[in-house]
C-alpha atoms as a PDB file:
ATOM      1  CA  MET A   1      13.326 126.732 -45.569  1.00  0.00           C
ATOM      2  CA  ALA A   2      15.889 128.444 -43.378  1.00  0.00           C
ATOM      3  CA  GLU A   3      19.303 129.044 -44.869  1.00  0.00           C
ATOM      4  CA  ALA A   4      21.863 129.247 -42.098  1.00  0.00           C
ATOM      5  CA  VAL A   5      24.019 132.238 -41.405  1.00  0.00           C
ATOM      6  CA  LEU A   6      27.519 130.846 -41.447  1.00  0.00           C
ATOM      7  CA  SER A   7      29.256 131.469 -38.169  1.00  0.00           C
ATOM      8  CA  LEU A   8      31.599 129.817 -35.697  1.00  0.00           C
ATOM      9  CA  ASP A   9      31.851 129.719 -31.943  1.00  0.00           C
ATOM     10  CA  GLU A  10      34.007 132.271 -30.213  1.00  0.00           C
ATOM     11  CA  GLU A  11      36.737 129.666 -29.929  1.00  0.00           C
ATOM     12  CA  ARG A  12      37.958 129.288 -33.494  1.00  0.00           C
ATOM     13  CA  VAL A  13      37.485 125.772 -34.878  1.00  0.00           C
ATOM     14  CA  GLN A  14      39.727 124.745 -37.742  1.00  0.00           C
ATOM     15  CA  PRO A  15      38.075 123.540 -40.960  1.00  0.00           C
ATOM     16  CA  LEU A  16      38.782 120.115 -42.359  1.00  0.00           C
ATOM     17  CA  THR A  17      41.326 120.509 -45.133  1.00  0.00           C
ATOM     18  CA  THR A  18      41.430 118.476 -48.331  1.00  0.00           C
ATOM     19  CA  ALA A  19      44.663 116.847 -47.115  1.00  0.00           C
ATOM     20  CA  ALA A  20      43.172 115.982 -43.713  1.00  0.00           C
ATOM     21  CA  PHE A  21      40.126 114.453 -45.403  1.00  0.00           C
ATOM     22  CA  ALA A  22      42.405 112.381 -47.637  1.00  0.00           C
ATOM     23  CA  VAL A  23      44.052 111.047 -44.470  1.00  0.00           C
ATOM     24  CA  LEU A  24      40.621 110.046 -43.124  1.00  0.00           C
ATOM     25  CA  LEU A  25      39.892 108.204 -46.362  1.00  0.00           C
ATOM     26  CA  SER A  26      43.267 106.467 -46.251  1.00  0.00           C
ATOM     27  CA  GLY A  27      42.138 104.616 -43.123  1.00  0.00           C
ATOM     28  CA  GLY A  28      40.680 101.750 -45.130  1.00  0.00           C
ATOM     29  CA  PHE A  29      38.295 103.638 -47.418  1.00  0.00           C
ATOM     30  CA  THR A  30      40.613 104.218 -50.376  1.00  0.00           C
ATOM     31  CA  GLN A  31      41.175 100.476 -50.757  1.00  0.00           C
ATOM     32  CA  LEU A  32      37.424  99.992 -51.133  1.00  0.00           C
ATOM     33  CA  LEU A  33      37.265 102.796 -53.696  1.00  0.00           C
ATOM     34  CA  ALA A  34      40.183 101.698 -55.880  1.00  0.00           C
ATOM     35  CA  GLY A  35      39.115 101.829 -59.519  1.00  0.00           C
ATOM     36  CA  VAL A  36      35.454 102.740 -58.912  1.00  0.00           C
ATOM     37  CA  GLU A  37      33.838 105.058 -61.461  1.00  0.00           C
ATOM     38  CA  LYS A  38      30.920 106.256 -59.323  1.00  0.00           C
ATOM     39  CA  ILE A  39      30.285 106.890 -55.648  1.00  0.00           C
ATOM     40  CA  ALA A  40      27.249 108.366 -53.899  1.00  0.00           C
ATOM     41  CA  VAL A  41      26.723 110.600 -50.886  1.00  0.00           C
ATOM     42  CA  GLY A  42      23.508 111.333 -49.027  1.00  0.00           C
ATOM     43  CA  VAL A  43      23.003 115.102 -48.728  1.00  0.00           C
ATOM     44  CA  SER A  44      20.174 116.662 -46.738  1.00  0.00           C
ATOM     45  CA  GLY A  45      21.524 120.170 -47.212  1.00  0.00           C
ATOM     46  CA  GLY A  46      22.717 120.446 -43.608  1.00  0.00           C
ATOM     47  CA  PRO A  47      26.288 121.522 -42.829  1.00  0.00           C
ATOM     48  CA  ASP A  48      27.487 117.965 -42.173  1.00  0.00           C
ATOM     49  CA  SER A  49      26.451 116.499 -45.522  1.00  0.00           C
ATOM     50  CA  MET A  50      27.283 119.634 -47.520  1.00  0.00           C
ATOM     51  CA  ALA A  51      30.816 119.576 -46.114  1.00  0.00           C
ATOM     52  CA  LEU A  52      31.211 115.863 -46.834  1.00  0.00           C
ATOM     53  CA  ALA A  53      29.893 116.173 -50.402  1.00  0.00           C
ATOM     54  CA  HIS A  54      32.252 119.052 -51.172  1.00  0.00           C
ATOM     55  CA  LEU A  55      35.217 117.225 -49.642  1.00  0.00           C
ATOM     56  CA  LEU A  56      34.432 114.174 -51.763  1.00  0.00           C
ATOM     57  CA  CYS A  57      34.273 116.311 -54.898  1.00  0.00           C
ATOM     58  CA  GLU A  58      37.623 117.865 -53.994  1.00  0.00           C
ATOM     59  CA  TRP A  59      39.073 114.412 -53.395  1.00  0.00           C
ATOM     60  CA  ALA A  60      37.691 113.091 -56.720  1.00  0.00           C
ATOM     61  CA  LEU A  61      39.179 116.089 -58.551  1.00  0.00           C
ATOM     62  CA  ALA A  62      42.599 115.340 -57.069  1.00  0.00           C
ATOM     63  CA  GLN A  63      42.561 111.740 -58.351  1.00  0.00           C
ATOM     64  CA  LYS A  64      44.065 110.796 -61.687  1.00  0.00           C
ATOM     65  CA  ALA A  65      40.670 109.478 -62.851  1.00  0.00           C
ATOM     66  CA  GLY A  66      38.354 110.443 -60.030  1.00  0.00           C
ATOM     67  CA  PRO A  67      34.856 108.961 -59.781  1.00  0.00           C
ATOM     68  CA  GLU A  68      31.574 110.743 -60.366  1.00  0.00           C
ATOM     69  CA  VAL A  69      30.122 111.893 -57.056  1.00  0.00           C
ATOM     70  CA  HIS A  70      26.360 111.314 -57.077  1.00  0.00           C
ATOM     71  CA  ILE A  71      24.870 113.751 -54.561  1.00  0.00           C
ATOM     72  CA  LEU A  72      21.539 112.285 -53.456  1.00  0.00           C
ATOM     73  CA  SER A  73      18.898 114.443 -51.799  1.00  0.00           C
ATOM     74  CA  VAL A  74      15.716 112.870 -50.437  1.00  0.00           C
ATOM     75  CA  ASP A  75      12.335 114.563 -50.310  1.00  0.00           C
ATOM     76  CA  HIS A  76      11.307 112.797 -47.102  1.00  0.00           C
ATOM     77  CA  GLY A  77       7.939 114.514 -46.788  1.00  0.00           C
ATOM     78  CA  LEU A  78       8.327 115.150 -43.053  1.00  0.00           C
ATOM     79  CA  ARG A  79       8.196 118.908 -43.611  1.00  0.00           C
ATOM     80  CA  PRO A  80       6.526 120.959 -46.375  1.00  0.00           C
ATOM     81  CA  GLU A  81       9.882 122.564 -47.214  1.00  0.00           C
ATOM     82  CA  ALA A  82      11.631 119.243 -47.910  1.00  0.00           C
ATOM     83  CA  ALA A  83      10.959 119.182 -51.659  1.00  0.00           C
ATOM     84  CA  GLN A  84      12.233 122.737 -52.175  1.00  0.00           C
ATOM     85  CA  GLU A  85      15.287 122.037 -50.022  1.00  0.00           C
ATOM     86  CA  SER A  86      16.225 119.135 -52.305  1.00  0.00           C
ATOM     87  CA  VAL A  87      15.963 121.465 -55.294  1.00  0.00           C
ATOM     88  CA  GLN A  88      18.074 124.066 -53.463  1.00  0.00           C
ATOM     89  CA  VAL A  89      20.837 121.516 -52.861  1.00  0.00           C
ATOM     90  CA  GLY A  90      20.880 120.835 -56.596  1.00  0.00           C
ATOM     91  CA  GLN A  91      21.402 124.533 -57.292  1.00  0.00           C
ATOM     92  CA  TRP A  92      24.251 124.772 -54.801  1.00  0.00           C
ATOM     93  CA  VAL A  93      26.195 121.771 -56.143  1.00  0.00           C
ATOM     94  CA  LYS A  94      25.541 122.064 -59.895  1.00  0.00           C
ATOM     95  CA  ASP A  95      28.982 123.558 -60.647  1.00  0.00           C
ATOM     96  CA  TRP A  96      31.003 121.359 -58.300  1.00  0.00           C
ATOM     97  CA  PRO A  97      33.632 119.143 -59.988  1.00  0.00           C
ATOM     98  CA  HIS A  98      32.570 115.531 -60.608  1.00  0.00           C
ATOM     99  CA  ALA A  99      29.124 116.212 -59.066  1.00  0.00           C
ATOM    100  CA  VAL A 100      25.880 114.622 -60.281  1.00  0.00           C
ATOM    101  CA  HIS A 101      22.752 115.596 -58.341  1.00  0.00           C
ATOM    102  CA  ALA A 102      19.582 113.522 -58.003  1.00  0.00           C
ATOM    103  CA  ILE A 103      16.393 113.998 -55.976  1.00  0.00           C
ATOM    104  CA  LEU A 104      14.761 110.893 -54.496  1.00  0.00           C
ATOM    105  CA  THR A 105      11.339 110.576 -52.840  1.00  0.00           C
ATOM    106  CA  ALA A 106      10.590 108.681 -49.616  1.00  0.00           C
ATOM    107  CA  HIS A 107       7.372 109.971 -48.059  1.00  0.00           C
ATOM    108  CA  PRO A 108       6.031 108.451 -44.801  1.00  0.00           C
ATOM    109  CA  GLU A 109       2.681 106.793 -44.320  1.00  0.00           C
ATOM    110  CA  PRO A 110       0.176 109.266 -42.794  1.00  0.00           C
ATOM    111  CA  ALA A 111      -0.207 108.955 -39.017  1.00  0.00           C
ATOM    112  CA  ASN A 112      -3.685 108.535 -37.535  1.00  0.00           C
ATOM    113  CA  GLU A 113      -2.770 110.309 -34.316  1.00  0.00           C
ATOM    114  CA  PRO A 114      -0.124 113.004 -33.746  1.00  0.00           C
ATOM    115  CA  SER A 115       1.047 111.619 -30.370  1.00  0.00           C
ATOM    116  CA  PRO A 116       4.706 112.020 -29.322  1.00  0.00           C
ATOM    117  CA  THR A 117       5.197 108.242 -29.633  1.00  0.00           C
ATOM    118  CA  ILE A 118       3.810 108.194 -33.170  1.00  0.00           C
ATOM    119  CA  GLN A 119       5.863 111.249 -34.148  1.00  0.00           C
ATOM    120  CA  THR A 120       9.061 109.639 -32.837  1.00  0.00           C
ATOM    121  CA  ARG A 121       8.307 106.445 -34.753  1.00  0.00           C
ATOM    122  CA  ILE A 122       7.709 108.434 -37.949  1.00  0.00           C
ATOM    123  CA  MET A 123      11.079 110.161 -37.541  1.00  0.00           C
ATOM    124  CA  GLU A 124      12.909 106.895 -36.908  1.00  0.00           C
ATOM    125  CA  ASN A 125      11.146 104.980 -39.700  1.00  0.00           C
ATOM    126  CA  SER A 126      11.978 107.720 -42.208  1.00  0.00           C
ATOM    127  CA  ARG A 127      15.616 106.654 -41.947  1.00  0.00           C
ATOM    128  CA  GLY A 128      14.786 103.220 -43.320  1.00  0.00           C
ATOM    129  CA  ARG A 129      12.794 104.696 -46.193  1.00  0.00           C
ATOM    130  CA  ARG A 130      15.635 107.066 -47.089  1.00  0.00           C
ATOM    131  CA  TYR A 131      18.167 104.242 -47.075  1.00  0.00           C
ATOM    132  CA  ASP A 132      15.905 102.099 -49.241  1.00  0.00           C
ATOM    133  CA  ALA A 133      15.614 104.999 -51.712  1.00  0.00           C
ATOM    134  CA  PHE A 134      19.413 105.371 -51.699  1.00  0.00           C
ATOM    135  CA  ALA A 135      19.870 101.630 -52.288  1.00  0.00           C
ATOM    136  CA  LYS A 136      17.381 101.573 -55.174  1.00  0.00           C
ATOM    137  CA  TYR A 137      19.120 104.489 -56.915  1.00  0.00           C
ATOM    138  CA  CYS A 138      22.578 103.024 -56.358  1.00  0.00           C
ATOM    139  CA  ARG A 139      21.554  99.647 -57.770  1.00  0.00           C
ATOM    140  CA  ALA A 140      20.177 101.324 -60.884  1.00  0.00           C
ATOM    141  CA  GLN A 141      23.400 103.326 -61.314  1.00  0.00           C
ATOM    142  CA  GLY A 142      25.798 100.486 -60.531  1.00  0.00           C
ATOM    143  CA  ILE A 143      27.076 102.296 -57.416  1.00  0.00           C
ATOM    144  CA  ARG A 144      28.342 100.127 -54.561  1.00  0.00           C
ATOM    145  CA  HIS A 145      29.516 102.789 -52.072  1.00  0.00           C
ATOM    146  CA  LEU A 146      27.301 105.352 -50.331  1.00  0.00           C
ATOM    147  CA  PHE A 147      28.935 107.966 -48.106  1.00  0.00           C
ATOM    148  CA  LEU A 148      27.061 109.269 -45.060  1.00  0.00           C
ATOM    149  CA  ALA A 149      27.954 112.367 -43.029  1.00  0.00           C
ATOM    150  CA  HIS A 150      27.549 110.904 -39.545  1.00  0.00           C
ATOM    151  CA  HIS A 151      30.073 112.616 -37.279  1.00  0.00           C
ATOM    152  CA  GLN A 152      31.425 112.447 -33.744  1.00  0.00           C
ATOM    153  CA  ASP A 153      28.372 114.138 -32.192  1.00  0.00           C
ATOM    154  CA  ASP A 154      26.045 111.733 -34.038  1.00  0.00           C
ATOM    155  CA  GLN A 155      28.063 108.788 -32.726  1.00  0.00           C
ATOM    156  CA  ALA A 156      27.672 110.066 -29.156  1.00  0.00           C
ATOM    157  CA  GLU A 157      23.913 110.509 -29.635  1.00  0.00           C
ATOM    158  CA  THR A 158      23.597 107.016 -31.084  1.00  0.00           C
ATOM    159  CA  PHE A 159      25.440 105.604 -28.071  1.00  0.00           C
ATOM    160  CA  LEU A 160      23.090 107.403 -25.647  1.00  0.00           C
ATOM    161  CA  PHE A 161      19.990 106.500 -27.674  1.00  0.00           C
ATOM    162  CA  ARG A 162      20.870 102.811 -27.685  1.00  0.00           C
ATOM    163  CA  LEU A 163      21.870 102.910 -24.024  1.00  0.00           C
ATOM    164  CA  SER A 164      18.384 104.261 -23.247  1.00  0.00           C
ATOM    165  CA  LYS A 165      16.913 101.287 -25.140  1.00  0.00           C
ATOM    166  CA  GLY A 166      18.944  98.756 -23.129  1.00  0.00           C
ATOM    167  CA  SER A 167      21.223  97.733 -25.999  1.00  0.00           C
ATOM    168  CA  GLY A 168      24.039  95.268 -25.454  1.00  0.00           C
ATOM    169  CA  LEU A 169      27.598  95.328 -26.750  1.00  0.00           C
ATOM    170  CA  ASP A 170      26.653  95.282 -30.428  1.00  0.00           C
ATOM    171  CA  GLY A 171      24.243  98.203 -30.088  1.00  0.00           C
ATOM    172  CA  LEU A 172      26.523 100.313 -27.916  1.00  0.00           C
ATOM    173  CA  ALA A 173      29.336  99.876 -30.439  1.00  0.00           C
ATOM    174  CA  ALA A 174      27.161 102.334 -32.381  1.00  0.00           C
ATOM    175  CA  MET A 175      27.836 103.142 -36.044  1.00  0.00           C
ATOM    176  CA  ALA A 176      30.566 101.378 -37.992  1.00  0.00           C
ATOM    177  CA  PRO A 177      32.850 103.230 -40.443  1.00  0.00           C
ATOM    178  CA  ALA A 178      31.884 100.686 -43.123  1.00  0.00           C
ATOM    179  CA  GLN A 179      28.648  98.700 -43.123  1.00  0.00           C
ATOM    180  CA  ASP A 180      26.959  96.391 -45.610  1.00  0.00           C
ATOM    181  CA  TYR A 181      23.404  97.332 -46.549  1.00  0.00           C
ATOM    182  CA  SER A 182      21.023  95.100 -48.495  1.00  0.00           C
ATOM    183  CA  GLY A 183      23.883  92.964 -49.739  1.00  0.00           C
ATOM    184  CA  ALA A 184      24.911  95.145 -52.683  1.00  0.00           C
ATOM    185  CA  LEU A 185      25.697  98.500 -51.033  1.00  0.00           C
ATOM    186  CA  THR A 186      28.371  99.530 -48.532  1.00  0.00           C
ATOM    187  CA  LEU A 187      27.673 102.517 -46.285  1.00  0.00           C
ATOM    188  CA  LEU A 188      30.822 104.542 -45.577  1.00  0.00           C
ATOM    189  CA  ARG A 189      31.178 106.974 -42.665  1.00  0.00           C
ATOM    190  CA  PRO A 190      34.588 108.694 -42.771  1.00  0.00           C
ATOM    191  CA  LEU A 191      33.638 111.513 -40.352  1.00  0.00           C
ATOM    192  CA  LEU A 192      32.935 109.562 -37.148  1.00  0.00           C
ATOM    193  CA  THR A 193      35.955 111.125 -35.418  1.00  0.00           C
ATOM    194  CA  VAL A 194      35.179 114.658 -36.655  1.00  0.00           C
ATOM    195  CA  PRO A 195      33.079 116.994 -34.441  1.00  0.00           C
ATOM    196  CA  LYS A 196      30.131 118.825 -35.971  1.00  0.00           C
ATOM    197  CA  ALA A 197      31.717 122.204 -35.217  1.00  0.00           C
ATOM    198  CA  GLN A 198      34.599 121.339 -37.530  1.00  0.00           C
ATOM    199  CA  LEU A 199      32.169 120.552 -40.350  1.00  0.00           C
ATOM    200  CA  ILE A 200      30.453 123.915 -39.872  1.00  0.00           C
ATOM    201  CA  ALA A 201      33.910 125.503 -40.005  1.00  0.00           C
ATOM    202  CA  THR A 202      34.544 123.586 -43.239  1.00  0.00           C
ATOM    203  CA  CYS A 203      31.405 125.080 -44.776  1.00  0.00           C
ATOM    204  CA  GLU A 204      32.438 128.581 -43.711  1.00  0.00           C
ATOM    205  CA  ASP A 205      35.951 128.137 -45.023  1.00  0.00           C
ATOM    206  CA  ARG A 206      34.618 127.175 -48.459  1.00  0.00           C
ATOM    207  CA  SER A 207      31.663 129.624 -48.431  1.00  0.00           C
ATOM    208  CA  LEU A 208      29.192 126.729 -48.615  1.00  0.00           C
ATOM    209  CA  SER A 209      25.585 127.524 -47.822  1.00  0.00           C
ATOM    210  CA  TYR A 210      23.518 124.998 -45.885  1.00  0.00           C
ATOM    211  CA  ILE A 211      20.060 124.414 -44.414  1.00  0.00           C
ATOM    212  CA  ASN A 212      19.017 124.207 -40.780  1.00  0.00           C
ATOM    213  CA  ASP A 213      16.416 121.464 -40.265  1.00  0.00           C
ATOM    214  CA  PRO A 214      14.083 122.582 -37.428  1.00  0.00           C
ATOM    215  CA  SER A 215      13.160 118.954 -36.672  1.00  0.00           C
ATOM    216  CA  ASN A 216      16.697 118.542 -35.335  1.00  0.00           C
ATOM    217  CA  GLU A 217      15.701 120.804 -32.445  1.00  0.00           C
ATOM    218  CA  SER A 218      12.149 119.548 -31.878  1.00  0.00           C
ATOM    219  CA  ASP A 219      11.361 117.926 -28.524  1.00  0.00           C
ATOM    220  CA  LYS A 220       8.815 115.721 -30.327  1.00  0.00           C
ATOM    221  CA  TYR A 221      11.673 113.412 -31.318  1.00  0.00           C
ATOM    222  CA  ALA A 222      13.972 111.319 -29.123  1.00  0.00           C
ATOM    223  CA  ARG A 223      17.319 112.280 -30.639  1.00  0.00           C
ATOM    224  CA  PRO A 224      16.887 116.064 -30.240  1.00  0.00           C
ATOM    225  CA  ARG A 225      15.930 115.482 -26.607  1.00  0.00           C
ATOM    226  CA  LEU A 226      19.089 113.430 -26.102  1.00  0.00           C
ATOM    227  CA  ARG A 227      21.073 116.161 -27.849  1.00  0.00           C
ATOM    228  CA  LYS A 228      19.906 118.660 -25.243  1.00  0.00           C
ATOM    229  CA  ALA A 229      20.616 116.219 -22.399  1.00  0.00           C
ATOM    230  CA  ARG A 230      24.202 115.967 -23.622  1.00  0.00           C
ATOM    231  CA  GLU A 231      24.867 119.486 -22.377  1.00  0.00           C
ATOM    232  CA  VAL A 232      24.321 118.231 -18.822  1.00  0.00           C
ATOM    233  CA  LEU A 233      26.401 115.116 -19.450  1.00  0.00           C
ATOM    234  CA  GLU A 234      29.284 117.118 -20.893  1.00  0.00           C
ATOM    235  CA  ALA A 235      29.428 119.137 -17.679  1.00  0.00           C
ATOM    236  CA  GLU A 236      30.131 115.794 -15.943  1.00  0.00           C
ATOM    237  CA  GLY A 237      32.854 114.862 -18.405  1.00  0.00           C
ATOM    238  CA  LEU A 238      30.746 112.751 -20.776  1.00  0.00           C
ATOM    239  CA  SER A 239      31.696 114.686 -23.893  1.00  0.00           C
ATOM    240  CA  ALA A 240      30.878 113.633 -27.435  1.00  0.00           C
ATOM    241  CA  LYS A 241      34.524 112.714 -27.928  1.00  0.00           C
ATOM    242  CA  ARG A 242      34.621 110.455 -24.871  1.00  0.00           C
ATOM    243  CA  LEU A 243      31.349 108.764 -25.785  1.00  0.00           C
ATOM    244  CA  SER A 244      32.471 108.179 -29.372  1.00  0.00           C
ATOM    245  CA  VAL A 245      35.809 106.767 -28.171  1.00  0.00           C
ATOM    246  CA  THR A 246      33.894 104.408 -25.863  1.00  0.00           C
ATOM    247  CA  ALA A 247      31.751 103.321 -28.810  1.00  0.00           C
ATOM    248  CA  MET A 248      34.911 102.722 -30.858  1.00  0.00           C
ATOM    249  CA  ARG A 249      36.420 100.521 -28.119  1.00  0.00           C
ATOM    250  CA  LEU A 250      33.200  98.551 -27.827  1.00  0.00           C
ATOM    251  CA  ALA A 251      33.202  98.141 -31.612  1.00  0.00           C
ATOM    252  CA  ARG A 252      36.693  96.676 -31.389  1.00  0.00           C
ATOM    253  CA  ALA A 253      35.523  94.186 -28.754  1.00  0.00           C
ATOM    254  CA  ARG A 254      32.437  93.376 -30.836  1.00  0.00           C
ATOM    255  CA  GLN A 255      34.598  92.667 -33.890  1.00  0.00           C
ATOM    256  CA  ALA A 256      36.876  90.371 -31.882  1.00  0.00           C
ATOM    257  CA  LEU A 257      33.917  88.373 -30.536  1.00  0.00           C
ATOM    258  CA  ASP A 258      32.374  88.270 -33.978  1.00  0.00           C
ATOM    259  CA  ASP A 259      35.583  86.917 -35.534  1.00  0.00           C
ATOM    260  CA  ILE A 260      35.859  84.235 -32.828  1.00  0.00           C
ATOM    261  CA  ALA A 261      32.207  83.272 -33.344  1.00  0.00           C
ATOM    262  CA  GLU A 262      32.763  82.990 -37.102  1.00  0.00           C
ATOM    263  CA  MET A 263      35.623  80.536 -36.560  1.00  0.00           C
ATOM    264  CA  ALA A 264      33.636  78.675 -33.894  1.00  0.00           C
ATOM    265  CA  LEU A 265      30.697  78.226 -36.269  1.00  0.00           C
ATOM    266  CA  MET A 266      32.987  76.629 -38.849  1.00  0.00           C
ATOM    267  CA  ASP A 267      34.434  74.334 -36.167  1.00  0.00           C
ATOM    268  CA  ILE A 268      31.133  72.931 -34.868  1.00  0.00           C
ATOM    269  CA  ALA A 269      29.081  72.849 -38.070  1.00  0.00           C
ATOM    270  CA  ILE A 270      28.392  69.154 -38.622  1.00  0.00           C
ATOM    271  CA  GLU A 271      26.316  70.020 -41.650  1.00  0.00           C
ATOM    272  CA  LYS A 272      25.974  73.341 -43.450  1.00  0.00           C
ATOM    273  CA  GLU A 273      23.598  73.599 -46.389  1.00  0.00           C
ATOM    274  CA  PRO A 274      21.684  76.582 -47.833  1.00  0.00           C
ATOM    275  CA  LYS A 275      18.499  75.569 -45.976  1.00  0.00           C
ATOM    276  CA  ARG A 276      19.839  73.487 -43.091  1.00  0.00           C
ATOM    277  CA  ILE A 277      22.637  73.796 -40.522  1.00  0.00           C
ATOM    278  CA  VAL A 278      23.474  71.217 -37.849  1.00  0.00           C
ATOM    279  CA  LEU A 279      25.700  72.199 -34.896  1.00  0.00           C
ATOM    280  CA  ASN A 280      27.546  70.140 -32.282  1.00  0.00           C
ATOM    281  CA  TYR A 281      25.517  70.743 -29.106  1.00  0.00           C
ATOM    282  CA  THR A 282      28.086  69.302 -26.678  1.00  0.00           C
ATOM    283  CA  VAL A 283      30.836  71.673 -27.822  1.00  0.00           C
ATOM    284  CA  MET A 284      28.444  74.610 -28.125  1.00  0.00           C
ATOM    285  CA  LYS A 285      27.241  74.163 -24.536  1.00  0.00           C
ATOM    286  CA  ALA A 286      30.829  74.112 -23.223  1.00  0.00           C
ATOM    287  CA  TRP A 287      31.638  77.531 -24.663  1.00  0.00           C
ATOM    288  CA  PRO A 288      31.160  80.860 -22.848  1.00  0.00           C
ATOM    289  CA  GLY A 289      27.552  81.931 -23.343  1.00  0.00           C
ATOM    290  CA  GLU A 290      28.401  85.001 -25.441  1.00  0.00           C
ATOM    291  CA  ILE A 291      30.242  82.885 -28.041  1.00  0.00           C
ATOM    292  CA  GLY A 292      27.471  80.303 -28.191  1.00  0.00           C
ATOM    293  CA  LEU A 293      24.863  83.028 -28.585  1.00  0.00           C
ATOM    294  CA  ARG A 294      26.757  84.656 -31.436  1.00  0.00           C
ATOM    295  CA  VAL A 295      27.209  81.312 -33.184  1.00  0.00           C
ATOM    296  CA  LEU A 296      23.458  80.734 -32.968  1.00  0.00           C
ATOM    297  CA  ILE A 297      22.786  84.220 -34.395  1.00  0.00           C
ATOM    298  CA  LYS A 298      25.230  83.632 -37.257  1.00  0.00           C
ATOM    299  CA  ALA A 299      23.634  80.316 -38.104  1.00  0.00           C
ATOM    300  CA  MET A 300      20.148  81.857 -38.040  1.00  0.00           C
ATOM    301  CA  ASN A 301      21.293  84.776 -40.194  1.00  0.00           C
ATOM    302  CA  ALA A 302      22.783  82.358 -42.717  1.00  0.00           C
ATOM    303  CA  LEU A 303      19.364  80.724 -43.104  1.00  0.00           C
ATOM    304  CA  GLY A 304      17.070  83.692 -42.464  1.00  0.00           C
ATOM    305  CA  ARG A 305      15.091  85.544 -45.089  1.00  0.00           C
ATOM    306  CA  ASP A 306      16.720  88.585 -46.689  1.00  0.00           C
ATOM    307  CA  SER A 307      16.362  91.356 -44.133  1.00  0.00           C
ATOM    308  CA  ASP A 308      18.547  94.050 -42.585  1.00  0.00           C
ATOM    309  CA  TYR A 309      16.940  93.432 -39.197  1.00  0.00           C
ATOM    310  CA  GLY A 310      16.698  89.989 -37.591  1.00  0.00           C
ATOM    311  CA  PRO A 311      14.530  89.056 -34.587  1.00  0.00           C
ATOM    312  CA  ARG A 312      14.837  91.110 -31.415  1.00  0.00           C
ATOM    313  CA  MET A 313      17.837  90.237 -29.264  1.00  0.00           C
ATOM    314  CA  GLU A 314      15.619  89.442 -26.251  1.00  0.00           C
ATOM    315  CA  LYS A 315      13.903  86.682 -28.239  1.00  0.00           C
ATOM    316  CA  VAL A 316      17.208  85.227 -29.441  1.00  0.00           C
ATOM    317  CA  GLU A 317      18.593  85.299 -25.881  1.00  0.00           C
ATOM    318  CA  ASP A 318      15.494  83.510 -24.557  1.00  0.00           C
ATOM    319  CA  LEU A 319      15.830  80.917 -27.321  1.00  0.00           C
ATOM    320  CA  PHE A 320      19.522  80.356 -26.586  1.00  0.00           C
ATOM    321  CA  GLU A 321      18.918  79.988 -22.840  1.00  0.00           C
ATOM    322  CA  ALA A 322      16.162  77.426 -23.455  1.00  0.00           C
ATOM    323  CA  LEU A 323      18.296  75.598 -26.016  1.00  0.00           C
ATOM    324  CA  MET A 324      21.196  75.312 -23.580  1.00  0.00           C
ATOM    325  CA  LEU A 325      19.345  74.664 -20.301  1.00  0.00           C
ATOM    326  CA  GLU A 326      15.887  73.161 -20.816  1.00  0.00           C
ATOM    327  CA  PRO A 327      15.939  69.355 -20.272  1.00  0.00           C
ATOM    328  CA  ASP A 328      13.122  68.850 -22.767  1.00  0.00           C
ATOM    329  CA  PHE A 329      13.622  71.538 -25.375  1.00  0.00           C
ATOM    330  CA  ARG A 330      10.667  71.914 -27.722  1.00  0.00           C
ATOM    331  CA  LYS A 331      11.147  72.829 -31.335  1.00  0.00           C
ATOM    332  CA  ARG A 332      10.351  76.465 -32.089  1.00  0.00           C
ATOM    333  CA  THR A 333      10.493  79.000 -34.925  1.00  0.00           C
ATOM    334  CA  LEU A 334      12.157  82.415 -34.882  1.00  0.00           C
ATOM    335  CA  GLY A 335      12.970  84.767 -37.759  1.00  0.00           C
ATOM    336  CA  GLY A 336      11.855  82.250 -40.382  1.00  0.00           C
ATOM    337  CA  VAL A 337      14.140  79.533 -38.971  1.00  0.00           C
ATOM    338  CA  ILE A 338      13.043  76.323 -37.208  1.00  0.00           C
ATOM    339  CA  ILE A 339      15.345  75.428 -34.305  1.00  0.00           C
ATOM    340  CA  ASP A 340      15.372  71.964 -32.738  1.00  0.00           C
ATOM    341  CA  ARG A 341      17.669  69.900 -30.506  1.00  0.00           C
ATOM    342  CA  ASP A 342      18.426  66.206 -30.938  1.00  0.00           C
ATOM    343  CA  ASP A 343      19.646  64.947 -27.560  1.00  0.00           C
ATOM    344  CA  LYS A 344      20.453  61.447 -28.831  1.00  0.00           C
ATOM    345  CA  LYS A 345      22.839  62.825 -31.456  1.00  0.00           C
ATOM    346  CA  SER A 346      23.816  65.823 -29.275  1.00  0.00           C
ATOM    347  CA  CYS A 347      23.210  68.374 -32.003  1.00  0.00           C
ATOM    348  CA  VAL A 348      21.235  71.543 -32.707  1.00  0.00           C
ATOM    349  CA  ILE A 349      19.310  71.551 -35.984  1.00  0.00           C
ATOM    350  CA  LEU A 350      18.350  74.741 -37.781  1.00  0.00           C
ATOM    351  CA  GLN A 351      16.370  74.758 -40.998  1.00  0.00           C
ATOM    352  CA  VAL A 352      14.464  77.239 -43.098  1.00  0.00           C
ATOM    353  CA  GLU A 353      10.750  77.428 -42.371  1.00  0.00           C
ATOM    354  CA  LYS A 354       8.668  76.303 -45.337  1.00  0.00           C
ATOM    355  CA  GLN A 355       6.783  79.161 -47.012  1.00  0.00           C
END
């Protein structure tokens, strides 16, 4: 375990003050938190999450009846030091106001071969295991809001990572400030406009120790490689701030399309039951393709099995194209939903696949 030496760049970066953090929370977060008795925050021990956890404790202390702040550290098992780092976080935060520390476990399955592809998959899959561990703890504690320390630099990396995977509008909109997870938990990201350097400055200003995770610099994983590539991109003007602003604008467009699709679904739903939805095919075909596609996705999601990840977009796009254009569309199944077209009645029929 490597404890970082707290330092700043030559150009002085201002720390995030308690008042400035309160302003960030006022942008829609405080309404969600009105009257809650407990909140949670994921803390790896890095400067980002340590700063966020401390800011949340300061904010809770300033409230008339502030909530408990459950600081959740995960022993992810990716490095031998992970278990001790979780214990170290507990030592650092034990005297913070309103803080409750808990250590969760989310070890990966052992890999048969240490290839770069396998190592990258292990790193990416660990995120899902950590979130599942968070969700399980929060359910047990009656906590509905989990704070995450994703910041402006993370948003830029997410944009580049998804761009490299060929993501569309929804993917390039990157991370949302508030996001539902598993139905009963809302993930909150108040730091998406804050650069990492400012969070390091926040740690220094408050004399907060933190941990440097060496995997964040390892070329074995995709995100660290993208992080290094950003230095070249920044020289061409593609700074983290510009990329995160682009992601924000795409998110705004995504939300607008999503809202329109929600209203469109209500307009063309001839029948809408828990296990069966029937849509007006004539109207659906007349719409712009993007709206029709989103309506189809919403209908499938309404019927699909509980999951945070639906079928791959390429498969849904192929289905939609066939549904709209093939003269003799044949019934097919995707994501646990059977999709058929009745040309005589000019309707699209979706129903849950029998188990």
